Protein backbone atom coordinates (compact mmCIF):
# COMPACT_ATOMS: atom_id res chain seq x y z
CA MET A 1 119.65 100.29 107.20
CA LYS A 2 118.34 99.28 103.79
CA LYS A 3 120.52 99.92 100.79
CA ASN A 4 118.84 102.17 98.24
CA VAL A 5 118.84 100.03 95.13
CA ASN A 6 115.68 101.63 93.72
CA ALA A 7 118.06 104.19 92.28
CA CYS A 8 119.41 105.65 89.07
CA LEU A 9 121.71 103.31 87.15
CA ILE A 10 123.76 106.35 86.10
CA CYS A 11 124.30 108.35 89.29
CA GLY A 12 122.59 106.42 92.10
CA ALA A 13 120.07 109.15 92.92
CA PRO A 14 116.52 108.15 93.97
CA LEU A 15 113.91 107.70 91.24
CA VAL A 16 110.98 110.07 90.78
CA TYR A 17 107.66 109.18 89.15
CA LEU A 18 105.92 112.07 87.39
CA PRO A 19 102.12 112.48 87.19
CA GLU A 20 102.30 113.00 83.40
CA GLU A 21 104.52 111.53 80.70
CA LYS A 22 106.96 113.75 78.84
CA PRO A 23 109.66 113.20 76.17
CA MET A 24 112.91 111.98 77.73
CA GLU A 25 116.24 111.04 76.22
CA CYS A 26 117.66 107.72 77.43
CA ALA A 27 121.06 108.16 79.06
CA GLY A 28 122.00 104.71 77.78
CA CYS A 29 121.11 104.62 74.07
CA GLY A 30 120.28 108.26 73.36
CA ARG A 31 116.82 107.53 71.97
CA THR A 32 113.84 109.65 73.03
CA PHE A 33 110.78 108.12 74.67
CA SER A 34 107.57 109.33 76.27
CA ALA A 35 108.07 108.42 79.93
CA ASN A 36 107.23 109.42 83.47
CA ALA A 37 110.16 108.11 85.52
CA MET A 38 113.59 109.62 86.00
CA CYS A 39 116.05 110.17 88.82
CA GLU A 40 116.28 113.33 90.92
CA ASN A 41 119.16 114.48 88.71
CA GLY A 42 117.13 114.05 85.52
CA HIS A 43 118.61 110.80 84.20
CA PHE A 44 116.25 108.46 82.33
CA ILE A 45 117.00 104.85 81.30
CA CYS A 46 114.67 103.15 78.82
CA ASP A 47 113.28 99.65 79.41
CA ASP A 48 115.48 98.14 76.69
CA CYS A 49 118.70 99.43 78.26
CA HIS A 50 117.51 98.50 81.74
CA ARG A 51 116.68 94.86 81.00
CA ALA A 52 118.84 93.88 77.99
CA PRO A 53 121.84 92.44 79.92
CA ALA A 54 119.51 90.58 82.29
CA LEU A 55 117.53 88.93 79.50
CA VAL A 56 120.67 87.42 77.99
CA VAL A 57 121.62 85.92 81.36
CA ILE A 58 118.09 84.70 82.12
CA ARG A 59 117.88 82.86 78.81
CA GLN A 60 121.35 81.30 79.17
CA ARG A 61 120.82 80.17 82.77
CA CYS A 62 117.42 78.66 82.00
CA LEU A 63 118.76 76.66 79.05
CA GLN A 64 121.48 75.23 81.30
CA ALA A 65 119.29 74.67 84.38
CA GLU A 66 118.17 71.29 85.63
CA ASP A 67 115.91 72.81 88.30
CA THR A 68 112.37 71.50 88.75
CA ASP A 69 111.57 73.98 91.54
CA PRO A 70 110.61 77.30 89.90
CA ILE A 71 111.04 79.26 93.15
CA ALA A 72 114.62 78.03 93.55
CA LEU A 73 115.40 78.86 89.94
CA ALA A 74 113.80 82.30 90.18
CA GLU A 75 115.94 83.07 93.24
CA LYS A 76 119.09 82.09 91.35
CA LEU A 77 118.09 84.34 88.47
CA MET A 78 117.20 87.26 90.75
CA GLN A 79 120.64 87.00 92.39
CA GLU A 80 122.38 87.60 89.06
CA PRO A 81 124.16 91.00 89.06
CA THR A 82 122.39 92.09 85.87
CA VAL A 83 118.95 91.57 87.46
CA HIS A 84 118.08 94.69 89.43
CA MET A 85 115.94 94.85 92.57
CA HIS A 86 113.06 96.17 90.48
CA GLY A 87 112.62 96.41 86.73
CA PRO A 88 110.98 95.06 83.58
CA GLU A 89 113.38 92.09 83.41
CA HIS A 90 111.06 90.46 85.97
CA HIS A 91 108.32 90.44 83.31
CA VAL A 92 110.37 87.75 81.58
CA LEU A 93 112.02 86.18 84.62
CA ALA A 94 108.89 84.80 86.32
CA GLY A 95 107.62 83.06 83.21
CA ALA A 96 111.09 81.84 82.22
CA ALA A 97 111.58 80.13 85.61
CA LEU A 98 108.16 78.50 85.28
CA LEU A 99 108.81 77.36 81.72
CA THR A 100 112.15 75.81 82.62
CA ALA A 101 110.77 73.94 85.63
CA TYR A 102 107.74 72.82 83.62
CA HIS A 103 109.87 71.37 80.80
CA ASN A 104 112.28 69.73 83.26
CA VAL A 105 109.42 68.05 85.13
CA THR A 106 107.35 66.97 82.13
CA GLY A 107 110.26 66.12 79.83
CA LYS A 108 108.48 67.84 76.96
CA PRO A 109 110.77 69.17 74.21
CA GLY A 110 110.83 72.75 72.99
CA LEU A 111 112.23 74.70 75.94
CA GLU A 112 114.53 76.84 73.79
CA ALA A 113 111.73 77.85 71.42
CA ASN A 114 109.36 78.54 74.30
CA LEU A 115 111.94 80.66 76.13
CA GLU A 116 112.30 82.73 72.97
CA LYS A 117 108.53 83.26 72.97
CA MET A 118 108.71 84.23 76.62
CA VAL A 119 111.43 86.79 75.99
CA GLN A 120 109.71 88.33 72.97
CA ARG A 121 106.32 88.57 74.67
CA GLY A 122 107.65 89.61 78.06
CA LYS A 123 109.67 92.44 76.52
CA GLN A 124 106.41 94.01 75.38
CA VAL A 125 105.27 94.57 78.98
CA PRO A 126 106.54 98.03 80.01
CA GLY A 127 108.10 98.86 83.34
CA GLY A 128 105.71 100.34 85.89
CA THR A 129 102.62 98.51 84.62
CA CYS A 130 101.68 97.49 88.17
CA GLY A 131 101.09 101.11 89.14
CA PHE A 132 100.20 102.74 85.84
CA PHE A 133 98.16 99.97 84.18
CA GLY A 134 96.81 98.21 87.27
CA CYS A 135 98.32 94.97 85.95
CA CYS A 136 101.57 93.64 87.47
CA GLY A 137 104.13 92.49 84.92
CA ALA A 138 105.07 89.41 86.98
CA ALA A 139 101.43 88.27 86.84
CA VAL A 140 101.38 88.94 83.10
CA SER A 141 104.60 86.90 82.81
CA ALA A 142 102.85 83.97 84.49
CA GLY A 143 99.95 84.44 82.08
CA ILE A 144 102.36 84.37 79.15
CA PHE A 145 103.77 81.12 80.52
CA GLY A 146 100.22 79.74 80.67
CA ALA A 147 99.42 80.86 77.13
CA ILE A 148 102.62 79.23 75.83
CA VAL A 149 102.19 75.83 77.46
CA LEU A 150 98.45 75.80 76.71
CA GLU A 151 99.17 76.89 73.11
CA SER A 152 96.52 79.57 73.46
CA THR A 153 95.74 82.14 70.75
CA PRO A 154 93.20 84.99 70.59
CA LEU A 155 90.84 82.56 68.83
CA SER A 156 91.20 79.72 71.34
CA GLU A 157 88.24 78.73 73.50
CA GLU A 158 89.08 76.69 76.61
CA THR A 159 92.79 77.56 76.66
CA TRP A 160 92.04 81.27 76.19
CA GLY A 161 89.94 81.17 79.32
CA LYS A 162 92.52 79.21 81.32
CA ALA A 163 95.40 81.53 80.43
CA ASN A 164 93.37 84.58 81.45
CA LEU A 165 92.18 82.83 84.60
CA LEU A 166 95.79 82.19 85.62
CA THR A 167 96.73 85.86 85.17
CA SER A 168 93.67 86.98 87.12
CA GLN A 169 94.49 84.65 90.03
CA CYS A 170 98.05 85.99 90.17
CA LEU A 171 96.79 89.56 90.16
CA ALA A 172 94.19 88.88 92.85
CA ASN A 173 96.74 87.29 95.17
CA GLU A 174 99.19 90.14 94.64
CA ALA A 175 96.51 92.80 95.08
CA ARG A 176 95.47 91.45 98.48
CA LEU A 177 98.94 92.27 99.79
CA GLY A 178 98.72 95.88 98.63
CA GLY A 179 101.47 98.23 97.55
CA PRO A 180 103.91 99.71 96.97
CA ARG A 181 105.29 97.42 94.32
CA CYS A 182 108.01 94.87 94.89
CA CYS A 183 109.19 92.86 91.90
CA LYS A 184 110.59 90.09 94.11
CA ARG A 185 107.37 89.70 96.12
CA ASN A 186 105.28 89.63 92.96
CA VAL A 187 107.54 87.07 91.26
CA TYR A 188 107.21 84.79 94.29
CA MET A 189 103.44 85.21 94.45
CA SER A 190 102.93 84.69 90.71
CA ILE A 191 105.04 81.51 90.70
CA LEU A 192 103.31 80.03 93.75
CA THR A 193 99.89 80.84 92.27
CA THR A 194 100.89 79.22 88.98
CA VAL A 195 102.17 76.06 90.69
CA LYS A 196 98.76 75.67 92.36
CA PHE A 197 97.02 76.36 89.03
CA LEU A 198 99.11 73.74 87.21
CA ARG A 199 98.28 71.14 89.84
CA GLU A 200 94.54 71.85 89.83
CA GLU A 201 93.93 72.64 86.17
CA MET A 202 96.55 70.58 84.31
CA GLY A 203 97.62 67.84 86.71
CA VAL A 204 101.26 68.94 86.59
CA GLN A 205 103.16 68.87 89.88
CA LEU A 206 106.04 71.31 90.27
CA PRO A 207 107.95 71.06 93.55
CA ILE A 208 108.29 74.15 95.73
CA PRO A 209 109.91 74.73 99.15
CA PRO A 210 107.76 74.32 102.29
CA ARG A 211 108.08 78.07 102.83
CA THR A 212 109.27 80.78 100.49
CA VAL A 213 111.58 83.27 102.20
CA CYS A 214 112.67 86.48 100.48
CA ARG A 215 116.43 86.98 100.28
CA PHE A 216 116.13 90.55 99.03
CA SER A 217 114.11 92.46 101.66
CA HIS A 218 117.21 94.29 102.93
CA LYS A 219 117.59 95.83 99.47
CA CYS A 220 114.02 97.09 99.12
CA ARG A 221 113.43 100.57 100.48
CA GLU A 222 109.64 100.12 100.38
CA CYS A 223 109.54 96.56 101.78
CA LEU A 224 106.24 95.71 103.49
CA GLU A 225 108.25 93.72 106.04
CA SER A 226 105.88 91.86 108.41
CA ARG A 227 102.95 92.49 106.04
CA CYS A 228 104.69 90.43 103.34
CA PRO A 229 104.26 86.64 103.61
CA PHE A 230 107.81 86.13 102.34
CA TYR A 231 109.55 88.45 104.81
CA GLU A 232 111.87 87.02 107.42
CA LYS A 233 113.22 89.38 110.03
CA LYS A 234 116.99 89.17 110.26
């Protein structure tokens, strides 16, 4: 039986997505937001309260990491207790793992500054964008990584195109698998897509395992199981 971890951080009840947004008070910080997700008992947790502890850990672990394999590093980060099965922390996590591996492989300076950019930009991607915006946050995180290392801006020419191309490739590969969402699956797919992009477009080789196997499928109530390329039946 799969453990229900897609649940309320307050009471453990299942989450409910509403067809329309409405004002909700965060049970963590007390602020009011326009939102469309709460638990069956009415508890709502804002994105800031959901991801804040995880972002501190992600940044610390990446600054200390010597990993050159972004998949291995992402798995370590996703196993941290503050990183939930699903949530907006993954909108920073995917790009942070890629940035760390990229800097460790290339030896280029500036990891700390680039991780700060990753955190600040990734925090702007709301939870639920995969379903409500048609744009997965893990794919956007990979695109943010691309924009950072390519030093792209809204006025760039070639790098603007490359950063957007990377995001689009991540989205296309994720979309072919279909839904419902899985933050772990989409992190894996975005990282693998980016590793291929780096090799073909920038000549940067990041090592990855021969096969990526998900360690979290038993925690995902909506797991695609055999339809997911990362699933391994226990």
